[in-house]
Protein backbone atom coordinates (compact mmCIF):
# COMPACT_ATOMS: atom_id res chain seq x y z
CA UNK A 1 12.62 127.73 113.89
CA UNK A 2 10.68 130.00 115.87
CA UNK A 3 9.99 133.67 114.68
CA UNK A 4 12.54 135.36 117.25
CA UNK A 5 15.67 133.17 116.00
CA UNK A 6 14.75 134.17 112.38
CA UNK A 7 14.45 137.89 113.08
CA UNK A 8 17.74 137.98 114.88
CA UNK A 9 19.34 136.23 111.96
CA UNK A 10 17.90 138.71 109.45
CA UNK A 11 18.97 141.60 111.74
CA UNK A 12 22.44 140.36 112.20
CA UNK A 13 22.70 139.98 108.53
CA UNK A 14 21.32 143.53 107.81
CA UNK A 15 23.86 144.73 110.38
CA UNK A 16 26.88 142.91 108.83
CA UNK A 17 26.17 144.18 105.69
CA UNK A 18 25.53 147.91 106.53
CA UNK A 19 28.86 147.89 108.64
CA UNK A 20 30.56 146.30 105.47
CA UNK A 21 29.10 148.94 103.14
CA UNK A 22 30.12 151.72 105.69
CA UNK A 23 33.33 150.85 106.65
CA UNK A 24 34.78 148.69 103.78
CA UNK A 25 33.24 149.76 100.56
CA UNK A 26 35.73 148.20 98.23
CA UNK A 27 33.91 144.93 99.05
CA UNK A 28 30.78 146.10 97.87
CA UNK A 29 32.28 147.93 94.64
CA UNK A 30 32.45 144.56 92.29
CA UNK A 31 28.35 144.68 92.12
CA UNK A 32 27.53 145.82 88.49
CA UNK A 33 31.02 145.60 87.54
CA UNK A 34 31.14 141.72 86.44
CA UNK A 35 31.68 140.53 83.07
CA UNK A 36 28.13 139.53 81.60
CA UNK A 37 26.35 142.90 83.13
CA UNK A 38 24.59 144.52 80.71
CA UNK A 39 25.23 148.50 80.58
CA UNK A 40 23.26 150.17 77.77
CA UNK A 41 23.61 154.16 77.57
CA UNK A 42 21.71 156.25 75.31
CA UNK A 43 21.50 160.07 75.18
CA UNK A 44 18.28 160.02 77.01
CA UNK A 45 18.51 156.89 79.19
CA UNK A 46 20.47 154.26 80.75
CA UNK A 47 19.62 150.56 81.10
CA UNK A 48 21.40 148.28 83.62
CA UNK A 49 21.04 144.49 84.12
CA UNK A 50 23.14 142.73 86.47
CA UNK A 51 22.73 139.41 85.18
CA UNK A 52 26.38 138.14 86.32
CA UNK A 53 26.29 139.93 89.61
CA UNK A 54 22.53 138.48 90.34
CA UNK A 55 23.82 135.02 89.82
CA UNK A 56 26.79 135.56 92.28
CA UNK A 57 24.35 136.82 94.91
CA UNK A 58 21.82 133.91 94.29
CA UNK A 59 24.52 131.37 94.95
CA UNK A 60 25.80 133.15 97.88
CA UNK A 61 22.51 133.58 99.46
CA UNK A 62 21.60 129.74 98.51
CA UNK A 63 24.75 128.68 100.36
CA UNK A 64 23.86 130.90 103.51
CA UNK A 65 20.49 129.65 103.57
CA UNK A 66 21.71 126.07 103.21
CA UNK A 67 23.93 126.55 106.02
CA UNK A 68 21.36 128.00 108.69
CA UNK A 69 18.20 125.57 107.81
CA UNK A 70 20.09 122.40 107.16
CA UNK A 71 18.78 119.60 109.52
C-alpha cells in the first residue's frame, strides 16, 4: 500500500471514532468498567490499570488490521 491510502484509512478511523464519542458516548462508556480492570483509590492518589479493556482493544485492533492488510 502506498502512504496516501494508509493516511486515508487512518484518517477515516479517527473521524469515525470522533463521531462515535461525540454522538454516541454510551458506546465508549464500557472502557475501564470491565471486570478485571484495576482501580486502586487512596486518599492521596488514584491508580487505574485497564487490563481487560486493553485486551479487548488489542483484539479489535488485531482483527481490523488483519482485514485491511490480508493478501
